[in-house]
Protein backbone atom coordinates (compact mmCIF):
# COMPACT_ATOMS: atom_id res chain seq x y z
CA MET A 1 9.08 -19.87 -19.34
CA PRO A 2 9.18 -22.57 -16.64
CA LYS A 3 7.18 -25.71 -17.34
CA ALA A 4 4.84 -27.31 -14.85
CA GLY A 5 5.71 -30.83 -15.98
CA SER A 6 3.09 -33.08 -14.38
CA ALA A 7 0.68 -30.18 -13.76
CA PRO A 8 -2.91 -30.22 -15.07
CA ASN A 9 -3.97 -29.28 -18.59
CA SER A 10 -1.99 -26.43 -20.11
CA PHE A 11 -2.85 -24.21 -23.05
CA ALA A 12 -0.44 -22.04 -25.00
CA VAL A 13 -1.69 -18.61 -26.06
CA PRO A 14 0.24 -15.77 -27.70
CA GLY A 15 2.68 -14.42 -25.11
CA GLY A 16 2.06 -16.96 -22.39
CA GLU A 17 0.51 -20.10 -20.99
CA ILE A 18 -2.67 -20.99 -19.10
CA TYR A 19 -3.09 -23.92 -16.69
CA LEU A 20 -6.38 -25.51 -15.67
CA GLY A 21 -6.40 -27.06 -12.21
CA ASP A 22 -5.69 -26.55 -8.53
CA ASN A 23 -2.94 -23.94 -8.36
CA LEU A 24 -0.99 -25.52 -5.49
CA PRO A 25 0.39 -28.55 -7.37
CA VAL A 26 1.15 -26.30 -10.35
CA LEU A 27 3.14 -23.91 -8.16
CA ARG A 28 5.07 -26.78 -6.56
CA GLU A 29 6.28 -27.94 -9.98
CA LEU A 30 7.74 -24.57 -10.96
CA ALA A 31 11.43 -23.78 -10.52
CA PRO A 32 12.48 -21.61 -7.57
CA GLY A 33 13.44 -18.06 -8.45
CA SER A 34 11.82 -18.29 -11.87
CA VAL A 35 9.16 -15.54 -11.66
CA ASP A 36 9.63 -11.77 -11.78
CA LEU A 37 6.22 -10.58 -10.59
CA ILE A 38 3.21 -12.25 -8.94
CA TYR A 39 -0.24 -10.70 -8.72
CA VAL A 40 -3.06 -12.71 -7.19
CA ASP A 41 -6.71 -11.82 -6.67
CA PRO A 42 -8.05 -14.84 -4.74
CA PRO A 43 -11.62 -15.33 -3.54
CA PHE A 44 -12.36 -12.82 -0.77
CA ASN A 45 -14.20 -15.24 1.56
CA THR A 46 -17.48 -13.35 1.20
CA GLY A 47 -19.51 -16.42 2.14
CA ILE A 48 -21.52 -16.33 -1.09
CA GLU A 49 -21.26 -17.82 -4.56
CA GLN A 50 -19.78 -15.27 -6.95
CA LYS A 51 -21.72 -15.08 -10.21
CA ARG A 52 -22.92 -12.57 -12.76
CA THR A 53 -26.07 -12.74 -14.87
CA ARG A 54 -25.39 -12.41 -18.60
CA ILE A 55 -28.09 -12.11 -21.26
CA ARG A 56 -28.34 -11.62 -25.01
CA ALA A 57 -31.41 -9.73 -26.28
CA GLN A 58 -32.73 -9.98 -29.83
CA ARG A 59 -35.59 -7.89 -31.16
CA SER A 60 -38.70 -9.95 -31.85
CA ALA A 61 -42.39 -9.09 -32.36
CA THR A 62 -43.29 -11.93 -30.02
CA GLY A 63 -40.53 -11.30 -27.48
CA SER A 64 -41.15 -11.73 -23.77
CA ARG A 65 -39.43 -8.52 -22.64
CA ASN A 66 -40.39 -4.90 -23.33
CA GLY A 67 -37.76 -2.44 -24.49
CA PHE A 68 -37.33 1.18 -25.53
CA GLY A 69 -40.14 2.64 -27.65
CA GLY A 70 -42.42 -0.34 -27.10
CA ALA A 71 -40.11 -2.79 -28.89
CA ARG A 72 -40.09 -6.38 -27.69
CA TYR A 73 -37.14 -8.70 -27.27
CA ASP A 74 -36.36 -12.38 -26.85
CA VAL A 75 -33.83 -12.86 -24.06
CA GLU A 76 -31.27 -15.65 -23.92
CA HIS A 77 -29.41 -16.31 -20.66
CA LEU A 78 -25.70 -16.94 -21.33
CA PRO A 79 -23.35 -19.15 -19.31
CA SER A 80 -21.15 -17.20 -16.91
CA PRO A 81 -18.22 -18.29 -14.73
CA THR A 82 -19.11 -18.82 -11.06
CA TYR A 83 -17.08 -19.83 -8.04
CA ALA A 84 -17.68 -20.63 -4.38
CA ASP A 85 -16.33 -17.97 -2.02
CA SER A 86 -16.56 -19.50 1.43
CA PHE A 87 -13.79 -21.15 3.47
CA ASP A 88 -13.66 -22.80 6.89
CA ASP A 89 -10.11 -21.50 7.39
CA TYR A 90 -9.33 -18.91 4.75
CA ILE A 91 -5.81 -18.02 5.88
CA GLU A 92 -4.75 -21.67 5.99
CA PHE A 93 -6.10 -22.01 2.44
CA LEU A 94 -3.89 -19.12 1.30
CA ARG A 95 -0.78 -19.92 3.34
CA PRO A 96 0.78 -22.80 1.34
CA ARG A 97 0.13 -20.96 -1.92
CA LEU A 98 1.84 -17.81 -0.68
CA VAL A 99 4.76 -19.84 0.69
CA GLU A 100 5.18 -21.14 -2.86
CA ALA A 101 4.91 -17.59 -4.22
CA HIS A 102 7.81 -16.56 -1.99
CA ARG A 103 9.88 -19.52 -3.25
CA LEU A 104 9.15 -18.74 -6.91
CA LEU A 105 10.09 -15.06 -6.88
CA LYS A 106 13.44 -13.86 -8.13
CA PRO A 107 15.42 -11.67 -5.69
CA THR A 108 14.22 -8.60 -7.64
CA GLY A 109 10.59 -9.78 -7.69
CA SER A 110 7.43 -8.69 -5.90
CA LEU A 111 4.11 -10.14 -4.78
CA PHE A 112 0.83 -8.23 -4.94
CA LEU A 113 -2.04 -9.80 -2.96
CA HIS A 114 -5.45 -8.28 -3.73
CA LEU A 115 -8.07 -8.63 -0.97
CA ASP A 116 -10.62 -6.49 0.86
CA ALA A 117 -11.27 -5.44 4.46
CA ARG A 118 -12.64 -8.86 5.53
CA GLU A 119 -9.32 -10.71 5.56
CA VAL A 120 -6.52 -8.29 4.65
CA HIS A 121 -5.29 -7.72 8.21
CA TYR A 122 -4.96 -11.48 8.83
CA ALA A 123 -3.21 -11.89 5.48
CA LYS A 124 -0.72 -9.15 6.30
CA VAL A 125 0.31 -10.86 9.52
CA MET A 126 0.75 -14.10 7.58
CA LEU A 127 2.83 -12.43 4.86
CA ASP A 128 5.00 -10.72 7.49
CA GLY A 129 5.86 -14.23 8.66
CA ILE A 130 6.56 -15.58 5.16
CA PHE A 131 8.40 -12.64 3.58
CA GLY A 132 9.58 -10.78 6.69
CA ARG A 133 8.26 -7.45 7.92
CA ASP A 134 11.18 -5.65 6.28
CA CYS A 135 9.88 -6.79 2.87
CA PHE A 136 6.51 -5.11 3.27
CA ARG A 137 6.46 -2.14 0.90
CA ASN A 138 2.91 -0.75 0.67
CA GLU A 139 -0.74 -1.32 1.30
CA ILE A 140 -2.39 0.09 -1.81
CA VAL A 141 -6.04 1.10 -1.60
CA TRP A 142 -7.95 0.70 -4.85
CA ALA A 143 -10.92 3.06 -4.56
CA TYR A 144 -13.99 3.09 -6.81
CA ASP A 145 -17.55 4.38 -6.54
CA TYR A 146 -20.02 2.10 -8.30
CA GLY A 147 -22.57 -0.47 -7.16
CA GLY A 148 -25.11 -0.57 -4.36
CA LYS A 149 -24.83 1.59 -1.25
CA PRO A 150 -26.22 0.32 2.08
CA ARG A 151 -28.05 2.68 4.43
CA ASP A 152 -26.79 1.18 7.69
CA ARG A 153 -23.02 1.85 7.29
CA TRP A 154 -20.49 3.70 5.17
CA PRO A 155 -20.51 2.07 1.71
CA GLN A 156 -17.45 -0.12 1.25
CA LYS A 157 -15.96 1.05 -2.04
CA HIS A 158 -12.32 0.04 -1.89
CA ASP A 159 -10.09 -3.04 -2.03
CA ASN A 160 -6.68 -3.55 -0.40
CA ILE A 161 -3.56 -4.67 -2.27
CA LEU A 162 -0.55 -5.75 -0.20
CA TRP A 163 2.84 -5.32 -1.88
CA TYR A 164 5.77 -7.39 -0.61
CA SER A 165 9.20 -7.49 -2.25
CA ARG A 166 11.28 -10.68 -2.24
CA GLN A 167 14.13 -8.83 -0.56
CA PRO A 168 14.26 -5.51 1.34
CA LYS A 169 16.35 -3.77 -1.31
CA GLY A 170 17.11 -4.17 -5.00
CA TYR A 171 13.55 -4.97 -6.07
CA THR A 172 12.18 -3.85 -9.45
CA PHE A 173 10.47 -0.46 -9.27
CA HIS A 174 10.44 1.68 -12.42
CA TYR A 175 9.57 5.08 -11.01
CA ASP A 176 9.72 6.79 -14.40
CA ALA A 177 7.15 4.32 -15.77
CA ILE A 178 4.44 5.39 -13.32
CA ASP A 179 1.43 6.83 -15.14
CA ARG A 180 0.63 10.29 -13.87
CA VAL A 181 -2.81 11.41 -12.74
CA PRO A 182 -4.47 14.86 -12.65
CA TYR A 183 -3.97 17.15 -9.67
CA MET A 184 -7.15 17.60 -7.64
CA ALA A 185 -6.40 21.33 -7.34
CA PRO A 186 -4.34 22.15 -10.48
CA GLU A 187 -4.58 25.89 -9.86
CA LEU A 188 -2.37 25.45 -6.78
CA VAL A 189 0.59 23.94 -8.65
CA GLY A 190 0.78 26.06 -11.79
CA PRO A 191 0.18 25.22 -15.45
CA GLU A 192 3.43 23.29 -16.05
CA LYS A 193 2.92 20.84 -13.19
CA ALA A 194 -0.78 20.61 -13.90
CA ALA A 195 -0.11 19.63 -17.51
CA ARG A 196 2.42 16.98 -16.43
CA GLY A 197 0.18 15.51 -13.72
CA LYS A 198 1.28 13.99 -10.44
CA ILE A 199 2.57 10.63 -9.26
CA PRO A 200 -0.28 8.64 -7.67
CA THR A 201 -0.21 7.99 -3.94
CA ASP A 202 -1.03 4.63 -2.37
CA VAL A 203 -4.71 5.36 -2.99
CA TRP A 204 -5.60 4.54 -6.59
CA TRP A 205 -8.85 5.96 -7.96
CA ILE A 206 -9.63 3.68 -10.92
CA THR A 207 -13.15 2.91 -12.07
CA ILE A 208 -14.44 -0.65 -12.13
CA VAL A 209 -14.98 -2.20 -15.55
CA PRO A 210 -18.19 -0.53 -16.85
CA THR A 211 -21.08 -2.78 -17.85
CA ASN A 212 -21.04 -1.51 -21.43
CA SER A 213 -17.24 -1.57 -21.79
CA ARG A 214 -15.56 -3.57 -24.57
CA GLU A 215 -13.24 -4.75 -21.80
CA LYS A 216 -16.11 -6.55 -20.01
CA THR A 217 -15.85 -10.35 -20.14
CA GLY A 218 -18.76 -11.39 -17.91
CA TYR A 219 -16.48 -12.72 -15.16
CA PRO A 220 -18.08 -11.79 -11.81
CA THR A 221 -15.03 -10.18 -10.15
CA GLN A 222 -13.11 -8.90 -13.19
CA LYS A 223 -10.55 -6.23 -12.37
CA PRO A 224 -9.84 -3.27 -14.68
CA LEU A 225 -6.97 -3.52 -17.14
CA LYS A 226 -5.65 -0.10 -16.07
CA LEU A 227 -5.11 -1.38 -12.52
CA LEU A 228 -3.06 -4.36 -13.68
CA GLU A 229 -1.12 -2.40 -16.28
CA ARG A 230 0.05 0.02 -13.60
CA ILE A 231 1.38 -2.85 -11.48
CA VAL A 232 2.99 -4.71 -14.38
CA ARG A 233 4.56 -1.60 -15.93
CA VAL A 234 6.21 -0.41 -12.72
CA HIS A 235 7.15 -3.70 -11.04
CA SER A 236 8.48 -5.72 -13.98
CA SER A 237 10.58 -5.19 -17.10
CA PRO A 238 9.95 -6.12 -20.75
CA GLY A 239 10.49 -9.84 -21.26
CA ASP A 240 9.89 -10.66 -17.57
CA LEU A 241 7.58 -13.47 -16.43
CA VAL A 242 4.36 -12.46 -14.63
CA LEU A 243 2.40 -15.10 -12.67
CA ASP A 244 -1.25 -15.01 -11.58
CA PHE A 245 -2.49 -18.23 -9.98
CA PHE A 246 -6.05 -17.05 -9.32
CA ALA A 247 -6.30 -15.75 -12.86
CA GLY A 248 -10.09 -15.47 -13.31
CA SER A 249 -10.82 -13.47 -16.44
CA GLY A 250 -7.13 -13.23 -17.49
CA THR A 251 -6.67 -9.49 -16.97
CA THR A 252 -3.14 -10.03 -15.63
CA GLY A 253 -2.21 -11.90 -18.80
CA GLN A 254 -3.72 -9.19 -20.98
CA ALA A 255 -1.81 -6.48 -19.12
CA ALA A 256 1.45 -8.45 -19.28
CA ARG A 257 1.17 -9.08 -23.00
CA ASN A 258 0.17 -5.48 -23.75
CA LEU A 259 3.39 -4.37 -22.06
CA GLY A 260 5.74 -6.95 -23.60
CA ARG A 261 5.95 -9.33 -20.64
CA ARG A 262 5.41 -13.09 -20.64
CA PHE A 263 2.71 -14.57 -18.42
CA LEU A 264 1.65 -17.75 -16.68
CA LEU A 265 -1.99 -17.99 -15.57
CA VAL A 266 -3.62 -20.67 -13.41
CA ASP A 267 -7.26 -21.22 -12.51
CA ALA A 268 -9.31 -24.18 -11.27
CA SER A 269 -12.44 -23.19 -13.21
CA ARG A 270 -12.93 -24.64 -16.68
CA GLN A 271 -15.24 -21.70 -17.51
CA ALA A 272 -12.59 -19.19 -16.45
CA VAL A 273 -9.89 -20.94 -18.49
CA ASP A 274 -12.14 -21.09 -21.55
CA LEU A 275 -12.82 -17.36 -21.13
CA MET A 276 -9.10 -16.58 -20.81
CA ARG A 277 -8.21 -18.67 -23.83
CA LYS A 278 -10.78 -16.81 -25.91
CA ARG A 279 -9.69 -13.41 -24.58
CA LEU A 280 -5.99 -14.06 -25.16
CA ALA A 281 -6.24 -16.07 -28.38
CA ALA A 282 -5.62 -13.11 -30.65
CA ALA A 283 -1.97 -12.26 -31.14
CA HIS A 284 -0.69 -8.85 -30.08
CA PRO A 285 2.13 -8.34 -32.60
CA ALA A 286 3.75 -5.29 -31.05
CA ALA A 287 3.81 -6.67 -27.52
CA ASP A 288 4.81 -10.17 -28.62
CA ALA A 289 7.74 -8.84 -30.67
CA HIS A 290 8.81 -6.70 -27.74
CA ALA A 291 8.71 -9.67 -25.36
CA SER A 292 10.60 -12.00 -27.70
CA SER A 293 13.35 -9.44 -28.21
CA GLY A 294 13.99 -9.30 -24.45
CA ARG A 295 13.92 -5.50 -24.49
């Protein structure tokens, strides 16, 4: 794994490494052509502070909150990672970081940039200039159906993921590793095809991380592990290096390690890095052995 040398604090965890600090100087210290796959989920420029309320409830006869069956509970508010999500010039904030991403990718590598409808069209024009229009592969729509629904417009329940390859041909794409999904009308394709399932299109229906899920970390914009595992499984090979420089809750690292890849995560938030270190502290013997073998 490449070393960031004079970069900010680094922390080794099973299968990879986490850096605390501004991602741009970290990226500039890494060797060109050293990364196989980059996925980044930067702030979306929503204009608000991203945060999530987390509480711990404990049953108590003198508790301040009522619960099921008349029980009472004491409630403790837990610390939760937050980050500012407002930029004077969002695209100019992203540009130098994505120029570095282009420099770091191997010829067989790919970049996945995860945004939403606010900025994705500006970002695509920028990436066409950095990577070249012939290296644009897909705009993937991640669709979900949870959360509030406004009454003055169609509810926005999708994100956009731009996929660019480092070169127009010869990029890593393991078609046979794609996880299949159920047919919407299985009776039209017959029992054999229905049992096998179909290859997903560029619209991915994957639920958000449920509130009561064991996967939930409390990070305000955590992405589901299934989403990242699909990207990592298809667009990298065992033993490859996966980079996420807006790493947040560390889902990219978890997906990479689960699938026998190495990972390098960067985030400027101490709370996010502490969360990632805790999440990724436990060894994953099967994945770690797979990664170290280079298979």
